[in-house]
Amino acid sequence: MRIGLAGVGRIGAFHAETLMGLDAVDELVVTDLDVDAARAVAERLGATHAATVQNLLASGVDGVVVATGTAGHAPLVRQAVAAKVPTFCEKPLAATLTETVELAELVEASGVPVQVGFQRRFDRAYQRVAAAVRAGELGTVHTMRANTHDQSPPHPAYIPTSGGLFRDCSVHDFDAVRYVSGREVASVFATGANTGAAFFGEAGDVDTAAAVLTLDDGILVTVTATRYNGAGHDVRLEVMGSEGTLGVGFDDSLAVTSAEPGAAQPRGPRHRSFMERFLPAYRAELTHFAALARGDAPSPCTATDALQAFRVAEACELSRREQRVVTLDEIASPS
């Protein structure tokens, strides 16, 4: 199987190494606007270099992975869909809500399989909790708590184009909440603050945020995010029901120290980045994409799924700005 990869930045180069390690991938073809960077990655990994995306798509690839900066996602997905090539796209599907709605409609009408990169769906603990909820093991689920706390902030130049903390970071939690609960978000109330570097506020963003989501069956969900969690990269989910509680992220890497006298501490080591935290999930995610490209598996995270998570992020950002409850009915969706 020949797989194409567009974009060899941090996540693209990471995906390139993963793809080269998959038994299903016989050849990897890489491209990037930075020709020298793409050629260097190809030489280092033993992959093939294509001068342009058009050349890559015309070379007979069985699937394409889009891992460019956000601005490139929608145009490249459009090109891949027009060429009838199965596509994997890192989140977000597009930079704006309007474009995400349009692209989700296009993908749905095309019949071309598209998988969006929400890797938590491939994390074994998230899968275990989702299965427990569906099987009724927890009884009536009433509360969920989710958090994504980065160990340290990204480079200041990234923030103005990131889409903001809810769209860039918490959107993973929003997708995970939908995946685990099997429900949709009905309304949100969100707020945020800046306690660190000035560049967040200068870009109209916040470095710390919190939201309360009400799902369509009444489940209450709290979601928190921060760019400053010096103890380590901390991603967790708790699902509480009438018959039990299950949690994700409560292992020896837990970046929390107990204040209880004599309490045993997680042995560590603690994670320092999302790529380290979800390394097995990323491999499982791209393994599934290879199966999707062969026609052996459906998309586990469709363009419509990505749109729904983006709509929640959009609602949270509107709520933060206007300091009010926002219903999802206020946020644009496909006609």
C-alpha atoms as a PDB file:
ATOM      1  CA  MET A   1       0.000   0.000   0.000  1.00  0.00           C
ATOM      2  CA  ARG A   2       1.263   3.511  -0.906  1.00  0.00           C
ATOM      3  CA  ILE A   3       0.314   6.265   1.527  1.00  0.00           C
ATOM      4  CA  GLY A   4       0.870   9.971   0.925  1.00  0.00           C
ATOM      5  CA  LEU A   5       1.672  12.488   3.652  1.00  0.00           C
ATOM      6  CA  ALA A   6       1.218  16.244   3.230  1.00  0.00           C
ATOM      7  CA  GLY A   7       3.092  18.265   5.848  1.00  0.00           C
ATOM      8  CA  VAL A   8       6.306  17.330   7.648  1.00  0.00           C
ATOM      9  CA  GLY A   9       6.236  19.727  10.596  1.00  0.00           C
ATOM     10  CA  ARG A  10       6.158  18.447  14.172  1.00  0.00           C
ATOM     11  CA  ILE A  11       3.047  16.257  13.922  1.00  0.00           C
ATOM     12  CA  GLY A  12       3.680  15.423  10.250  1.00  0.00           C
ATOM     13  CA  ALA A  13       7.196  14.129  10.875  1.00  0.00           C
ATOM     14  CA  PHE A  14       5.847  12.189  13.851  1.00  0.00           C
ATOM     15  CA  HIS A  15       3.172  10.586  11.645  1.00  0.00           C
ATOM     16  CA  ALA A  16       5.764   9.842   8.962  1.00  0.00           C
ATOM     17  CA  GLU A  17       7.783   7.728  11.383  1.00  0.00           C
ATOM     18  CA  THR A  18       4.640   5.924  12.553  1.00  0.00           C
ATOM     19  CA  LEU A  19       3.488   5.200   8.994  1.00  0.00           C
ATOM     20  CA  MET A  20       6.899   3.847   8.006  1.00  0.00           C
ATOM     21  CA  GLY A  21       6.627   1.384  10.892  1.00  0.00           C
ATOM     22  CA  LEU A  22       3.267  -0.068   9.822  1.00  0.00           C
ATOM     23  CA  ASP A  23       3.260  -3.469   8.122  1.00  0.00           C
ATOM     24  CA  ALA A  24       0.443  -2.345   5.834  1.00  0.00           C
ATOM     25  CA  VAL A  25       2.459   0.550   4.378  1.00  0.00           C
ATOM     26  CA  ASP A  26       4.832  -0.499   1.594  1.00  0.00           C
ATOM     27  CA  GLU A  27       5.757   3.012   0.511  1.00  0.00           C
ATOM     28  CA  LEU A  28       5.352   6.490   1.986  1.00  0.00           C
ATOM     29  CA  VAL A  29       5.288   9.549  -0.283  1.00  0.00           C
ATOM     30  CA  VAL A  30       5.829  12.891   1.471  1.00  0.00           C
ATOM     31  CA  THR A  31       5.416  16.493   0.401  1.00  0.00           C
ATOM     32  CA  ASP A  32       5.542  19.924   2.010  1.00  0.00           C
ATOM     33  CA  LEU A  33       5.632  23.557   0.925  1.00  0.00           C
ATOM     34  CA  ASP A  34       9.110  23.499   2.449  1.00  0.00           C
ATOM     35  CA  VAL A  35      10.662  21.285  -0.222  1.00  0.00           C
ATOM     36  CA  ASP A  36      13.953  20.910   1.617  1.00  0.00           C
ATOM     37  CA  ALA A  37      12.205  19.769   4.801  1.00  0.00           C
ATOM     38  CA  ALA A  38      10.147  17.184   2.911  1.00  0.00           C
ATOM     39  CA  ARG A  39      13.201  15.912   1.067  1.00  0.00           C
ATOM     40  CA  ALA A  40      15.128  15.649   4.347  1.00  0.00           C
ATOM     41  CA  VAL A  41      12.353  13.608   6.004  1.00  0.00           C
ATOM     42  CA  ALA A  42      12.107  11.352   2.953  1.00  0.00           C
ATOM     43  CA  GLU A  43      15.857  10.722   2.957  1.00  0.00           C
ATOM     44  CA  ARG A  44      15.988  10.083   6.700  1.00  0.00           C
ATOM     45  CA  LEU A  45      13.135   7.568   6.671  1.00  0.00           C
ATOM     46  CA  GLY A  46      13.630   5.982   3.268  1.00  0.00           C
ATOM     47  CA  ALA A  47      10.405   7.474   1.919  1.00  0.00           C
ATOM     48  CA  THR A  48       9.659   8.978  -1.493  1.00  0.00           C
ATOM     49  CA  HIS A  49       9.474  12.734  -2.045  1.00  0.00           C
ATOM     50  CA  ALA A  50       6.842  14.448  -4.195  1.00  0.00           C
ATOM     51  CA  ALA A  51       7.355  18.054  -5.257  1.00  0.00           C
ATOM     52  CA  THR A  52       3.707  19.070  -4.807  1.00  0.00           C
ATOM     53  CA  VAL A  53       0.431  17.772  -3.427  1.00  0.00           C
ATOM     54  CA  GLN A  54      -0.829  17.506  -6.994  1.00  0.00           C
ATOM     55  CA  ASN A  55       2.110  15.261  -7.861  1.00  0.00           C
ATOM     56  CA  LEU A  56       1.501  13.189  -4.741  1.00  0.00           C
ATOM     57  CA  LEU A  57      -2.179  12.634  -5.540  1.00  0.00           C
ATOM     58  CA  ALA A  58      -1.370  11.835  -9.157  1.00  0.00           C
ATOM     59  CA  SER A  59       1.216   9.230  -8.168  1.00  0.00           C
ATOM     60  CA  GLY A  60      -1.390   6.585  -7.363  1.00  0.00           C
ATOM     61  CA  VAL A  61      -1.437   6.703  -3.570  1.00  0.00           C
ATOM     62  CA  ASP A  62      -4.031   4.538  -1.830  1.00  0.00           C
ATOM     63  CA  GLY A  63      -4.600   7.099   0.908  1.00  0.00           C
ATOM     64  CA  VAL A  64      -3.342  10.490   2.031  1.00  0.00           C
ATOM     65  CA  VAL A  65      -2.597  11.901   5.483  1.00  0.00           C
ATOM     66  CA  VAL A  66      -3.048  15.678   5.868  1.00  0.00           C
ATOM     67  CA  ALA A  67      -0.780  16.995   8.632  1.00  0.00           C
ATOM     68  CA  THR A  68      -0.035  20.551   7.518  1.00  0.00           C
ATOM     69  CA  GLY A  69      -0.804  23.690   9.492  1.00  0.00           C
ATOM     70  CA  THR A  70      -4.500  24.318  10.060  1.00  0.00           C
ATOM     71  CA  ALA A  71      -4.843  26.665   7.073  1.00  0.00           C
ATOM     72  CA  GLY A  72      -3.910  23.841   4.718  1.00  0.00           C
ATOM     73  CA  HIS A  73      -6.371  21.250   5.994  1.00  0.00           C
ATOM     74  CA  ALA A  74      -9.533  22.211   4.121  1.00  0.00           C
ATOM     75  CA  PRO A  75      -7.902  22.881   0.715  1.00  0.00           C
ATOM     76  CA  LEU A  76      -5.981  19.595   0.850  1.00  0.00           C
ATOM     77  CA  VAL A  77      -9.007  17.568   1.949  1.00  0.00           C
ATOM     78  CA  ARG A  78     -10.960  19.093  -0.944  1.00  0.00           C
ATOM     79  CA  GLN A  79      -8.228  18.073  -3.401  1.00  0.00           C
ATOM     80  CA  ALA A  80      -8.029  14.549  -1.994  1.00  0.00           C
ATOM     81  CA  VAL A  81     -11.800  14.098  -2.064  1.00  0.00           C
ATOM     82  CA  ALA A  82     -11.931  15.395  -5.650  1.00  0.00           C
ATOM     83  CA  ALA A  83      -9.290  12.780  -6.545  1.00  0.00           C
ATOM     84  CA  LYS A  84     -11.369  10.094  -4.758  1.00  0.00           C
ATOM     85  CA  VAL A  85      -8.482   9.273  -2.401  1.00  0.00           C
ATOM     86  CA  PRO A  86      -9.318   8.095   1.158  1.00  0.00           C
ATOM     87  CA  THR A  87      -8.092  10.785   3.530  1.00  0.00           C
ATOM     88  CA  PHE A  88      -6.881  11.152   7.083  1.00  0.00           C
ATOM     89  CA  CYS A  89      -6.900  14.760   8.331  1.00  0.00           C
ATOM     90  CA  GLU A  90      -5.479  16.025  11.579  1.00  0.00           C
ATOM     91  CA  LYS A  91      -7.933  18.107  13.551  1.00  0.00           C
ATOM     92  CA  PRO A  92      -9.358  20.613  12.899  1.00  0.00           C
ATOM     93  CA  LEU A  93     -10.958  19.780   9.594  1.00  0.00           C
ATOM     94  CA  ALA A  94     -10.956  23.505   8.776  1.00  0.00           C
ATOM     95  CA  ALA A  95     -10.048  26.789  10.434  1.00  0.00           C
ATOM     96  CA  THR A  96     -13.544  28.283  10.652  1.00  0.00           C
ATOM     97  CA  LEU A  97     -17.005  27.026  11.475  1.00  0.00           C
ATOM     98  CA  THR A  98     -18.425  28.047   8.097  1.00  0.00           C
ATOM     99  CA  GLU A  99     -15.720  26.176   6.203  1.00  0.00           C
ATOM    100  CA  THR A 100     -16.060  23.150   8.485  1.00  0.00           C
ATOM    101  CA  VAL A 101     -19.802  22.966   7.787  1.00  0.00           C
ATOM    102  CA  GLU A 102     -19.215  23.263   4.043  1.00  0.00           C
ATOM    103  CA  LEU A 103     -16.478  20.636   4.072  1.00  0.00           C
ATOM    104  CA  ALA A 104     -18.499  18.177   6.154  1.00  0.00           C
ATOM    105  CA  GLU A 105     -21.343  18.490   3.640  1.00  0.00           C
ATOM    106  CA  LEU A 106     -18.927  17.990   0.735  1.00  0.00           C
ATOM    107  CA  VAL A 107     -17.356  14.898   2.274  1.00  0.00           C
ATOM    108  CA  GLU A 108     -20.735  13.396   3.130  1.00  0.00           C
ATOM    109  CA  ALA A 109     -21.993  13.899  -0.422  1.00  0.00           C
ATOM    110  CA  SER A 110     -18.783  12.566  -2.013  1.00  0.00           C
ATOM    111  CA  GLY A 111     -18.799   9.126  -0.438  1.00  0.00           C
ATOM    112  CA  VAL A 112     -14.997   9.335  -0.067  1.00  0.00           C
ATOM    113  CA  PRO A 113     -13.955   7.973   3.354  1.00  0.00           C
ATOM    114  CA  VAL A 114     -12.417  10.650   5.578  1.00  0.00           C
ATOM    115  CA  GLN A 115     -11.015  10.009   9.051  1.00  0.00           C
ATOM    116  CA  VAL A 116     -10.301  12.982  11.343  1.00  0.00           C
ATOM    117  CA  GLY A 117      -7.475  12.758  13.862  1.00  0.00           C
ATOM    118  CA  PHE A 118      -9.040  12.601  17.304  1.00  0.00           C
ATOM    119  CA  GLN A 119      -6.615  10.031  18.653  1.00  0.00           C
ATOM    120  CA  ARG A 120      -8.273   9.637  22.067  1.00  0.00           C
ATOM    121  CA  ARG A 121     -10.840   7.376  20.382  1.00  0.00           C
ATOM    122  CA  PHE A 122      -7.933   4.906  20.007  1.00  0.00           C
ATOM    123  CA  ASP A 123      -6.644   5.158  23.570  1.00  0.00           C
ATOM    124  CA  ARG A 124      -7.428   1.885  25.351  1.00  0.00           C
ATOM    125  CA  ALA A 125      -8.672   3.577  28.529  1.00  0.00           C
ATOM    126  CA  TYR A 126     -11.088   5.846  26.649  1.00  0.00           C
ATOM    127  CA  GLN A 127     -12.306   2.797  24.743  1.00  0.00           C
ATOM    128  CA  ARG A 128     -12.802   0.890  27.995  1.00  0.00           C
ATOM    129  CA  VAL A 129     -14.894   3.682  29.526  1.00  0.00           C
ATOM    130  CA  ALA A 130     -16.968   4.082  26.346  1.00  0.00           C
ATOM    131  CA  ALA A 131     -17.697   0.342  26.355  1.00  0.00           C
ATOM    132  CA  ALA A 132     -18.675   0.459  30.028  1.00  0.00           C
ATOM    133  CA  VAL A 133     -21.114   3.313  29.436  1.00  0.00           C
ATOM    134  CA  ARG A 134     -22.719   1.533  26.499  1.00  0.00           C
ATOM    135  CA  ALA A 135     -23.026  -1.706  28.477  1.00  0.00           C
ATOM    136  CA  GLY A 136     -24.661   0.058  31.429  1.00  0.00           C
ATOM    137  CA  GLU A 137     -21.881  -0.941  33.852  1.00  0.00           C
ATOM    138  CA  LEU A 138     -21.950   2.456  35.569  1.00  0.00           C
ATOM    139  CA  GLY A 139     -25.726   2.618  35.896  1.00  0.00           C
ATOM    140  CA  THR A 140     -27.191   6.005  35.127  1.00  0.00           C
ATOM    141  CA  VAL A 141     -24.370   8.365  34.170  1.00  0.00           C
ATOM    142  CA  HIS A 142     -24.909  11.775  35.724  1.00  0.00           C
ATOM    143  CA  THR A 143     -21.516  13.549  35.741  1.00  0.00           C
ATOM    144  CA  MET A 144     -18.342  13.665  33.666  1.00  0.00           C
ATOM    145  CA  ARG A 145     -15.113  15.558  34.323  1.00  0.00           C
ATOM    146  CA  ALA A 146     -12.535  16.104  31.582  1.00  0.00           C
ATOM    147  CA  ASN A 147      -9.274  17.995  31.509  1.00  0.00           C
ATOM    148  CA  THR A 148      -6.391  18.705  29.156  1.00  0.00           C
ATOM    149  CA  HIS A 149      -3.530  20.470  30.920  1.00  0.00           C
ATOM    150  CA  ASP A 150      -0.381  21.161  28.910  1.00  0.00           C
ATOM    151  CA  GLN A 151       2.956  20.981  30.720  1.00  0.00           C
ATOM    152  CA  SER A 152       4.127  24.240  29.110  1.00  0.00           C
ATOM    153  CA  PRO A 153       2.818  26.764  26.576  1.00  0.00           C
ATOM    154  CA  PRO A 154       3.444  26.521  22.833  1.00  0.00           C
ATOM    155  CA  HIS A 155       5.570  29.095  21.011  1.00  0.00           C
ATOM    156  CA  PRO A 156       3.966  32.575  21.035  1.00  0.00           C
ATOM    157  CA  ALA A 157       3.797  32.586  17.224  1.00  0.00           C
ATOM    158  CA  TYR A 158       1.417  29.608  17.328  1.00  0.00           C
ATOM    159  CA  ILE A 159      -1.331  31.238  19.393  1.00  0.00           C
ATOM    160  CA  PRO A 160      -2.733  33.788  16.879  1.00  0.00           C
ATOM    161  CA  THR A 161      -3.440  30.993  14.369  1.00  0.00           C
ATOM    162  CA  SER A 162      -4.411  28.282  16.871  1.00  0.00           C
ATOM    163  CA  GLY A 163      -8.106  29.152  16.985  1.00  0.00           C
ATOM    164  CA  GLY A 164      -7.999  29.654  20.756  1.00  0.00           C
ATOM    165  CA  LEU A 165      -7.814  27.322  23.729  1.00  0.00           C
ATOM    166  CA  PHE A 166     -11.276  25.785  23.275  1.00  0.00           C
ATOM    167  CA  ARG A 167     -10.864  25.093  19.534  1.00  0.00           C
ATOM    168  CA  ASP A 168      -7.235  23.997  19.750  1.00  0.00           C
ATOM    169  CA  CYS A 169      -7.075  22.105  23.029  1.00  0.00           C
ATOM    170  CA  SER A 170     -10.467  21.393  24.630  1.00  0.00           C
ATOM    171  CA  VAL A 171     -11.906  20.234  21.307  1.00  0.00           C
ATOM    172  CA  HIS A 172     -10.249  16.865  22.062  1.00  0.00           C
ATOM    173  CA  ASP A 173     -12.262  16.670  25.280  1.00  0.00           C
ATOM    174  CA  PHE A 174     -15.447  17.659  23.467  1.00  0.00           C
ATOM    175  CA  ASP A 175     -14.962  14.839  20.973  1.00  0.00           C
ATOM    176  CA  ALA A 176     -14.099  12.402  23.778  1.00  0.00           C
ATOM    177  CA  VAL A 177     -17.248  13.356  25.698  1.00  0.00           C
ATOM    178  CA  ARG A 178     -19.380  12.651  22.612  1.00  0.00           C
ATOM    179  CA  TYR A 179     -17.530   9.397  21.939  1.00  0.00           C
ATOM    180  CA  VAL A 180     -17.756   8.082  25.503  1.00  0.00           C
ATOM    181  CA  SER A 181     -21.288   9.237  26.343  1.00  0.00           C
ATOM    182  CA  GLY A 182     -22.886   8.627  22.957  1.00  0.00           C
ATOM    183  CA  ARG A 183     -24.792  11.879  23.489  1.00  0.00           C
ATOM    184  CA  GLU A 184     -24.760  15.387  22.016  1.00  0.00           C
ATOM    185  CA  VAL A 185     -24.058  18.652  23.825  1.00  0.00           C
ATOM    186  CA  ALA A 186     -27.169  20.786  24.296  1.00  0.00           C
ATOM    187  CA  SER A 187     -25.721  23.905  25.964  1.00  0.00           C
ATOM    188  CA  VAL A 188     -22.499  25.341  27.402  1.00  0.00           C
ATOM    189  CA  PHE A 189     -21.315  27.977  29.821  1.00  0.00           C
ATOM    190  CA  ALA A 190     -17.627  28.848  29.592  1.00  0.00           C
ATOM    191  CA  THR A 191     -15.102  31.251  31.010  1.00  0.00           C
ATOM    192  CA  GLY A 192     -11.368  31.835  30.823  1.00  0.00           C
ATOM    193  CA  ALA A 193      -8.462  33.741  32.353  1.00  0.00           C
ATOM    194  CA  ASN A 194      -4.889  34.797  31.700  1.00  0.00           C
ATOM    195  CA  THR A 195      -2.410  34.297  34.515  1.00  0.00           C
ATOM    196  CA  GLY A 196       0.780  33.798  32.493  1.00  0.00           C
ATOM    197  CA  ALA A 197       2.456  35.338  29.454  1.00  0.00           C
ATOM    198  CA  ALA A 198       0.919  38.411  27.857  1.00  0.00           C
ATOM    199  CA  PHE A 199       0.924  36.975  24.332  1.00  0.00           C
ATOM    200  CA  PHE A 200      -2.259  34.962  24.990  1.00  0.00           C
ATOM    201  CA  GLY A 201      -4.316  38.051  25.787  1.00  0.00           C
ATOM    202  CA  GLU A 202      -2.684  39.996  22.973  1.00  0.00           C
ATOM    203  CA  ALA A 203      -4.011  37.359  20.559  1.00  0.00           C
ATOM    204  CA  GLY A 204      -7.491  37.472  22.109  1.00  0.00           C
ATOM    205  CA  ASP A 205      -6.987  34.088  23.741  1.00  0.00           C
ATOM    206  CA  VAL A 206      -6.755  32.748  27.306  1.00  0.00           C
ATOM    207  CA  ASP A 207      -4.212  30.412  28.887  1.00  0.00           C
ATOM    208  CA  THR A 208      -6.705  28.768  31.269  1.00  0.00           C
ATOM    209  CA  ALA A 209     -10.364  27.934  30.675  1.00  0.00           C
ATOM    210  CA  ALA A 210     -13.320  26.058  32.109  1.00  0.00           C
ATOM    211  CA  ALA A 211     -16.699  25.056  30.736  1.00  0.00           C
ATOM    212  CA  VAL A 212     -19.846  23.349  31.961  1.00  0.00           C
ATOM    213  CA  LEU A 213     -21.597  21.321  29.281  1.00  0.00           C
ATOM    214  CA  THR A 214     -25.148  20.014  29.583  1.00  0.00           C
ATOM    215  CA  LEU A 215     -25.730  16.991  27.367  1.00  0.00           C
ATOM    216  CA  ASP A 216     -29.033  16.273  25.672  1.00  0.00           C
ATOM    217  CA  ASP A 217     -29.950  13.676  28.319  1.00  0.00           C
ATOM    218  CA  GLY A 218     -29.073  15.926  31.272  1.00  0.00           C
ATOM    219  CA  ILE A 219     -25.525  14.654  32.002  1.00  0.00           C
ATOM    220  CA  LEU A 220     -23.375  17.471  33.399  1.00  0.00           C
ATOM    221  CA  VAL A 221     -19.795  17.736  32.163  1.00  0.00           C
ATOM    222  CA  THR A 222     -17.002  19.963  33.437  1.00  0.00           C
ATOM    223  CA  VAL A 223     -14.086  20.609  31.095  1.00  0.00           C
ATOM    224  CA  THR A 224     -10.908  22.438  32.099  1.00  0.00           C
ATOM    225  CA  ALA A 225      -7.811  23.374  30.113  1.00  0.00           C
ATOM    226  CA  THR A 226      -4.577  25.217  30.776  1.00  0.00           C
ATOM    227  CA  ARG A 227      -1.279  25.906  29.053  1.00  0.00           C
ATOM    228  CA  TYR A 228       0.544  25.920  32.427  1.00  0.00           C
ATOM    229  CA  ASN A 229       0.739  22.601  34.247  1.00  0.00           C
ATOM    230  CA  GLY A 230       4.362  22.362  35.297  1.00  0.00           C
ATOM    231  CA  ALA A 231       3.798  18.987  36.970  1.00  0.00           C
ATOM    232  CA  GLY A 232       3.421  17.371  33.534  1.00  0.00           C
ATOM    233  CA  HIS A 233       1.055  16.843  30.626  1.00  0.00           C
ATOM    234  CA  ASP A 234      -2.194  15.846  32.319  1.00  0.00           C
ATOM    235  CA  VAL A 235      -5.149  14.413  30.366  1.00  0.00           C
ATOM    236  CA  ARG A 236      -7.955  12.780  32.334  1.00  0.00           C
ATOM    237  CA  LEU A 237     -11.608  11.830  32.111  1.00  0.00           C
ATOM    238  CA  GLU A 238     -13.914  10.702  34.909  1.00  0.00           C
ATOM    239  CA  VAL A 239     -17.349   9.232  34.264  1.00  0.00           C
ATOM    240  CA  MET A 240     -19.623   8.933  37.301  1.00  0.00           C
ATOM    241  CA  GLY A 241     -22.799   6.884  37.437  1.00  0.00           C
ATOM    242  CA  SER A 242     -25.320   5.530  39.920  1.00  0.00           C
ATOM    243  CA  GLU A 243     -23.478   2.168  40.029  1.00  0.00           C
ATOM    244  CA  GLY A 244     -19.835   3.176  39.711  1.00  0.00           C
ATOM    245  CA  THR A 245     -17.130   5.518  38.447  1.00  0.00           C
ATOM    246  CA  LEU A 246     -14.385   4.948  35.873  1.00  0.00           C
ATOM    247  CA  GLY A 247     -11.428   7.201  35.151  1.00  0.00           C
ATOM    248  CA  VAL A 248      -8.900   7.696  32.363  1.00  0.00           C
ATOM    249  CA  GLY A 249      -5.389   8.919  33.143  1.00  0.00           C
ATOM    250  CA  PHE A 250      -5.146   7.595  36.697  1.00  0.00           C
ATOM    251  CA  ASP A 251      -1.948   5.597  36.281  1.00  0.00           C
ATOM    252  CA  ASP A 252       1.684   5.989  37.357  1.00  0.00           C
ATOM    253  CA  SER A 253       2.090   8.960  35.015  1.00  0.00           C
ATOM    254  CA  LEU A 254      -0.552  10.985  36.892  1.00  0.00           C
ATOM    255  CA  ALA A 255       0.774  14.538  37.243  1.00  0.00           C
ATOM    256  CA  VAL A 256      -0.793  15.113  40.651  1.00  0.00           C
ATOM    257  CA  THR A 257       0.777  14.883  44.112  1.00  0.00           C
ATOM    258  CA  SER A 258      -1.498  13.894  46.975  1.00  0.00           C
ATOM    259  CA  ALA A 259      -1.553  16.101  50.067  1.00  0.00           C
ATOM    260  CA  GLU A 260      -2.873  13.247  52.228  1.00  0.00           C
ATOM    261  CA  PRO A 261      -0.414  12.110  54.922  1.00  0.00           C
ATOM    262  CA  GLY A 262       1.186   8.802  54.010  1.00  0.00           C
ATOM    263  CA  ALA A 263      -0.553   8.574  50.624  1.00  0.00           C
ATOM    264  CA  ALA A 264       1.308   6.551  48.003  1.00  0.00           C
ATOM    265  CA  GLN A 265       2.410   8.621  45.016  1.00  0.00           C
ATOM    266  CA  PRO A 266       2.309   7.623  41.342  1.00  0.00           C
ATOM    267  CA  ARG A 267       5.717   6.203  40.459  1.00  0.00           C
ATOM    268  CA  GLY A 268       5.986   8.087  37.178  1.00  0.00           C
ATOM    269  CA  PRO A 269       7.531   9.065  34.929  1.00  0.00           C
ATOM    270  CA  ARG A 270       5.117  11.850  34.079  1.00  0.00           C
ATOM    271  CA  HIS A 271       4.334  12.729  30.483  1.00  0.00           C
ATOM    272  CA  ARG A 272       5.675  15.978  29.020  1.00  0.00           C
ATOM    273  CA  SER A 273       3.692  16.210  25.760  1.00  0.00           C
ATOM    274  CA  PHE A 274       0.566  14.947  24.032  1.00  0.00           C
ATOM    275  CA  MET A 275       2.631  12.917  21.565  1.00  0.00           C
ATOM    276  CA  GLU A 276       4.318  11.081  24.424  1.00  0.00           C
ATOM    277  CA  ARG A 277       1.018  10.592  26.266  1.00  0.00           C
ATOM    278  CA  PHE A 278      -0.842   9.156  23.263  1.00  0.00           C
ATOM    279  CA  LEU A 279       1.924   7.378  21.347  1.00  0.00           C
ATOM    280  CA  PRO A 280       0.128   3.977  21.268  1.00  0.00           C
ATOM    281  CA  ALA A 281      -3.152   5.674  20.311  1.00  0.00           C
ATOM    282  CA  TYR A 282      -1.534   7.475  17.380  1.00  0.00           C
ATOM    283  CA  ARG A 283      -0.163   4.184  16.077  1.00  0.00           C
ATOM    284  CA  ALA A 284      -3.567   2.490  16.446  1.00  0.00           C
ATOM    285  CA  GLU A 285      -5.239   5.463  14.752  1.00  0.00           C
ATOM    286  CA  LEU A 286      -3.034   5.279  11.654  1.00  0.00           C
ATOM    287  CA  THR A 287      -3.266   1.486  11.595  1.00  0.00           C
ATOM    288  CA  HIS A 288      -7.036   1.910  11.361  1.00  0.00           C
ATOM    289  CA  PHE A 289      -6.608   4.474   8.590  1.00  0.00           C
ATOM    290  CA  ALA A 290      -4.588   1.949   6.575  1.00  0.00           C
ATOM    291  CA  ALA A 291      -7.501  -0.465   6.922  1.00  0.00           C
ATOM    292  CA  LEU A 292      -9.922   2.295   5.912  1.00  0.00           C
ATOM    293  CA  ALA A 293      -7.819   3.093   2.825  1.00  0.00           C
ATOM    294  CA  ARG A 294      -7.959  -0.605   1.846  1.00  0.00           C
ATOM    295  CA  GLY A 295     -11.740  -0.530   2.178  1.00  0.00           C
ATOM    296  CA  ASP A 296     -11.682  -2.875   5.177  1.00  0.00           C
ATOM    297  CA  ALA A 297     -12.980  -0.484   7.866  1.00  0.00           C
ATOM    298  CA  PRO A 298     -15.344   2.489   8.224  1.00  0.00           C
ATOM    299  CA  SER A 299     -14.259   5.914   9.436  1.00  0.00           C
ATOM    300  CA  PRO A 300     -14.152   5.940  13.252  1.00  0.00           C
ATOM    301  CA  CYS A 301     -14.261   9.728  13.349  1.00  0.00           C
ATOM    302  CA  THR A 302     -16.053  11.274  10.400  1.00  0.00           C
ATOM    303  CA  ALA A 303     -16.088  14.835   9.115  1.00  0.00           C
ATOM    304  CA  THR A 304     -19.487  15.188  10.801  1.00  0.00           C
ATOM    305  CA  ASP A 305     -17.997  14.070  14.119  1.00  0.00           C
ATOM    306  CA  ALA A 306     -15.267  16.678  13.731  1.00  0.00           C
ATOM    307  CA  LEU A 307     -17.870  19.320  12.961  1.00  0.00           C
ATOM    308  CA  GLN A 308     -19.866  18.480  16.086  1.00  0.00           C
ATOM    309  CA  ALA A 309     -16.793  18.856  18.320  1.00  0.00           C
ATOM    310  CA  PHE A 310     -15.922  22.120  16.564  1.00  0.00           C
ATOM    311  CA  ARG A 311     -19.455  23.421  17.143  1.00  0.00           C
ATOM    312  CA  VAL A 312     -19.076  22.796  20.887  1.00  0.00           C
ATOM    313  CA  ALA A 313     -15.756  24.671  20.863  1.00  0.00           C
ATOM    314  CA  GLU A 314     -17.390  27.517  18.959  1.00  0.00           C
ATOM    315  CA  ALA A 315     -20.216  27.657  21.507  1.00  0.00           C
ATOM    316  CA  CYS A 316     -17.703  27.763  24.377  1.00  0.00           C
ATOM    317  CA  GLU A 317     -15.759  30.601  22.782  1.00  0.00           C
ATOM    318  CA  LEU A 318     -18.988  32.564  22.247  1.00  0.00           C
ATOM    319  CA  SER A 319     -20.011  31.884  25.843  1.00  0.00           C
ATOM    320  CA  ARG A 320     -16.618  33.026  27.136  1.00  0.00           C
ATOM    321  CA  ARG A 321     -16.790  36.280  25.206  1.00  0.00           C
ATOM    322  CA  GLU A 322     -20.407  37.091  26.078  1.00  0.00           C
ATOM    323  CA  GLN A 323     -20.474  35.481  29.560  1.00  0.00           C
ATOM    324  CA  ARG A 324     -23.756  33.669  29.031  1.00  0.00           C
ATOM    325  CA  VAL A 325     -25.172  30.220  28.448  1.00  0.00           C
ATOM    326  CA  VAL A 326     -25.049  29.316  24.745  1.00  0.00           C
ATOM    327  CA  THR A 327     -27.228  26.580  23.284  1.00  0.00           C
ATOM    328  CA  LEU A 328     -25.905  24.490  20.408  1.00  0.00           C
ATOM    329  CA  ASP A 329     -28.970  25.513  18.411  1.00  0.00           C
ATOM    330  CA  GLU A 330     -27.263  28.910  18.073  1.00  0.00           C
ATOM    331  CA  ILE A 331     -24.247  27.411  16.299  1.00  0.00           C
ATOM    332  CA  ALA A 332     -24.385  26.761  12.557  1.00  0.00           C
ATOM    333  CA  SER A 333     -24.807  23.163  11.394  1.00  0.00           C
ATOM    334  CA  PRO A 334     -25.325  21.458   8.007  1.00  0.00           C
ATOM    335  CA  SER A 335     -28.633  22.291   6.332  1.00  0.00           C
END
